[in-house]
Amino acid sequence: MKHWYTVHCKPREEARAEANLARQGYHTFRPLIRRAARRGGRRTTVTESLFPRYLFTELCDSHENWAPIRSTRGVLGLVRFGHVPIPVPEPVIEAIRLRLDPASGCLDLTRDADLVARQPVTITEGPFQGHEALFLARTGDERVMVLMQIMNQSQEVELPAAAVGPAALVSAS
């Protein structure tokens, strides 16, 4: 029976490990994330591994040879508890896949750049996590202003841009 297992990779060599494992016939899954970053003082979009230094591979428990995985370039080994590799539950892999953008194959966090004034948003992290608000404006490269109902009063609150997402995007997940 096939199960997903976590492969621990060498630093910044997830792509190399994925390519080498695929070349050997292993089925792999390396979720990617697209996010805004500052490089050289400029705002840019970067694509990187969702889980740095890790990827997943689907292996058959009974008759697949796992020994070549350890000697694959870019790979340190399988994640184990003691001497036993632990499978990742299938629902975890499926939940990650459902969140990926079908066009790019990435978890796209750059969508906040498309926010317009008075657009409903959901707070995704911090003390207001899960609360609804209205996007007002960007106050800098990494900060936004939202309008929230706090104690039955409208309050303008400044938050990190990463802590705010479109209401439809967040509630669908």
Protein backbone atom coordinates (compact mmCIF):
# COMPACT_ATOMS: atom_id res chain seq x y z
CA MET A 1 0.00 0.00 0.00
CA LYS A 2 1.30 3.47 -0.90
CA HIS A 3 1.75 6.22 1.68
CA TRP A 4 3.30 9.68 1.64
CA TYR A 5 6.54 10.18 3.56
CA THR A 6 8.51 13.34 4.35
CA VAL A 7 11.98 13.70 2.86
CA HIS A 8 14.48 15.90 4.72
CA CYS A 9 16.66 17.82 2.25
CA LYS A 10 19.95 19.65 2.46
CA PRO A 11 19.68 23.46 2.85
CA ARG A 12 18.28 25.14 -0.29
CA GLU A 13 18.37 21.87 -2.24
CA GLU A 14 14.69 20.89 -2.27
CA ALA A 15 14.41 21.41 -6.04
CA ARG A 16 17.57 19.38 -6.67
CA ALA A 17 16.33 16.55 -4.43
CA GLU A 18 12.92 16.61 -6.12
CA ALA A 19 14.46 16.41 -9.61
CA ASN A 20 16.84 13.60 -8.65
CA LEU A 21 14.11 11.57 -6.93
CA ALA A 22 11.82 11.99 -9.96
CA ARG A 23 14.66 10.90 -12.24
CA GLN A 24 14.88 7.68 -10.19
CA GLY A 25 11.15 7.05 -10.62
CA TYR A 26 9.86 8.27 -7.24
CA HIS A 27 6.59 10.23 -7.17
CA THR A 28 7.23 13.50 -5.29
CA PHE A 29 5.25 16.51 -4.13
CA ARG A 30 6.94 19.80 -3.17
CA PRO A 31 4.36 22.50 -2.42
CA LEU A 32 5.49 26.00 -3.38
CA ILE A 33 4.53 29.42 -2.07
CA ARG A 34 4.56 32.72 -3.95
CA ARG A 35 4.98 35.75 -1.71
CA ALA A 36 6.04 39.36 -1.77
CA ALA A 37 9.59 40.06 -0.57
CA ARG A 38 12.08 42.90 -0.46
CA ARG A 39 15.25 42.31 -2.46
CA GLY A 40 17.76 45.10 -2.87
CA GLY A 41 15.29 47.59 -1.42
CA ARG A 42 12.67 46.73 -4.03
CA ARG A 43 9.43 44.85 -3.62
CA THR A 44 9.38 41.67 -5.71
CA THR A 45 7.62 38.32 -5.86
CA VAL A 46 9.51 35.16 -4.94
CA THR A 47 8.54 31.51 -5.31
CA GLU A 48 9.98 29.10 -2.77
CA SER A 49 9.20 25.86 -0.97
CA LEU A 50 6.27 26.02 1.43
CA PHE A 51 8.28 23.79 3.79
CA PRO A 52 11.96 24.75 3.44
CA ARG A 53 14.23 21.66 3.49
CA TYR A 54 11.29 19.22 3.11
CA LEU A 55 9.29 17.56 0.36
CA PHE A 56 6.99 14.55 0.19
CA THR A 57 7.38 11.27 -1.68
CA GLU A 58 4.85 8.50 -2.19
CA LEU A 59 6.28 5.08 -1.39
CA CYS A 60 4.93 1.55 -1.32
CA ASP A 61 5.41 0.01 2.12
CA SER A 62 5.94 -3.57 1.03
CA HIS A 63 7.93 -3.85 -2.18
CA GLU A 64 9.61 -0.54 -3.07
CA ASN A 65 13.35 -0.12 -2.50
CA TRP A 66 13.84 2.91 -0.25
CA ALA A 67 17.65 2.63 0.03
CA PRO A 68 18.47 4.92 -2.96
CA ILE A 69 16.62 7.82 -1.32
CA ARG A 70 19.36 8.30 1.29
CA SER A 71 22.11 8.59 -1.33
CA THR A 72 20.17 10.92 -3.65
CA ARG A 73 21.84 14.30 -4.17
CA GLY A 74 20.12 16.96 -2.10
CA VAL A 75 18.55 14.46 0.32
CA LEU A 76 19.53 13.91 3.95
CA GLY A 77 16.99 11.11 4.50
CA LEU A 78 13.42 10.31 5.43
CA VAL A 79 11.90 11.88 8.52
CA ARG A 80 11.78 9.16 11.17
CA PHE A 81 10.77 8.58 14.75
CA GLY A 82 13.45 6.27 16.02
CA HIS A 83 14.31 4.01 13.11
CA VAL A 84 10.82 4.02 11.56
CA PRO A 85 9.77 6.45 8.79
CA ILE A 86 6.37 7.85 9.69
CA PRO A 87 3.75 8.24 6.93
CA VAL A 88 2.00 11.56 6.40
CA PRO A 89 -1.80 11.10 6.45
CA GLU A 90 -3.37 11.40 2.98
CA PRO A 91 -5.85 14.10 4.17
CA VAL A 92 -2.89 16.36 5.05
CA ILE A 93 -1.48 16.08 1.51
CA GLU A 94 -4.93 16.64 -0.01
CA ALA A 95 -5.56 19.70 2.18
CA ILE A 96 -2.30 21.23 0.96
CA ARG A 97 -3.15 20.43 -2.67
CA LEU A 98 -6.60 22.02 -2.35
CA ARG A 99 -5.04 25.32 -1.25
CA LEU A 100 -2.68 25.52 -4.23
CA ASP A 101 -3.59 27.76 -7.14
CA PRO A 102 -4.42 25.45 -10.08
CA ALA A 103 -2.79 27.76 -12.65
CA SER A 104 0.58 28.19 -10.94
CA GLY A 105 0.67 25.19 -8.62
CA CYS A 106 1.67 27.54 -5.77
CA LEU A 107 0.06 28.83 -2.62
CA ASP A 108 -0.25 32.43 -3.80
CA LEU A 109 0.13 35.02 -1.03
CA THR A 110 0.58 37.92 -3.45
CA ARG A 111 -3.16 38.34 -3.89
CA ASP A 112 -3.30 41.00 -1.16
CA ALA A 113 -1.78 43.40 -3.70
CA ASP A 114 -5.12 43.26 -5.53
CA LEU A 115 -7.12 44.57 -2.55
CA VAL A 116 -9.24 47.63 -3.27
CA ALA A 117 -10.70 50.19 -0.88
CA ARG A 118 -13.78 49.03 1.04
CA GLN A 119 -13.20 45.37 0.05
CA PRO A 120 -14.22 42.86 2.74
CA VAL A 121 -11.20 41.07 4.20
CA THR A 122 -10.55 38.52 6.93
CA ILE A 123 -7.77 38.84 9.50
CA THR A 124 -5.67 35.66 9.16
CA GLU A 125 -3.30 35.98 12.12
CA GLY A 126 -2.75 37.87 15.34
CA PRO A 127 -5.23 38.81 18.08
CA PHE A 128 -8.00 39.62 15.56
CA GLN A 129 -7.62 36.31 13.65
CA GLY A 130 -10.90 35.23 12.06
CA HIS A 131 -12.56 38.66 12.31
CA GLU A 132 -14.00 40.42 9.27
CA ALA A 133 -12.98 43.97 8.31
CA LEU A 134 -12.95 46.38 5.37
CA PHE A 135 -9.67 47.12 3.62
CA LEU A 136 -8.97 50.87 3.58
CA ALA A 137 -5.44 51.40 2.25
CA ARG A 138 -1.80 50.39 2.32
CA THR A 139 0.23 52.39 4.81
CA GLY A 140 3.59 51.08 3.61
CA ASP A 141 5.10 48.14 1.80
CA GLU A 142 4.19 45.71 4.57
CA ARG A 143 1.33 47.40 6.48
CA VAL A 144 -2.36 47.95 5.75
CA MET A 145 -5.20 49.92 7.34
CA VAL A 146 -8.53 48.17 7.89
CA LEU A 147 -11.85 49.25 9.35
CA MET A 148 -13.16 46.91 12.06
CA GLN A 149 -16.14 46.82 14.40
CA ILE A 150 -14.71 46.73 17.93
CA MET A 151 -17.13 47.01 20.86
CA ASN A 152 -19.88 48.24 18.50
CA GLN A 153 -17.72 51.07 17.18
CA SER A 154 -15.91 51.42 13.86
CA GLN A 155 -12.16 51.53 14.44
CA GLU A 156 -9.31 51.97 11.98
CA VAL A 157 -6.62 49.38 12.74
CA GLU A 158 -3.17 49.12 11.16
CA LEU A 159 -1.98 45.54 10.63
CA PRO A 160 0.81 43.67 8.83
CA ALA A 161 -0.21 43.09 5.19
CA ALA A 162 0.50 39.37 5.62
CA ALA A 163 -2.20 39.20 8.33
CA VAL A 164 -5.00 40.24 5.95
CA GLY A 165 -6.59 38.25 3.12
CA PRO A 166 -9.63 38.64 0.88
CA ALA A 167 -12.74 37.41 2.69
CA ALA A 168 -13.71 34.94 -0.06
CA LEU A 169 -10.19 33.45 -0.21
CA VAL A 170 -9.90 32.92 3.54
CA SER A 171 -13.44 31.64 4.16
CA ALA A 172 -13.12 29.09 1.30
CA SER A 173 -10.18 27.40 3.04
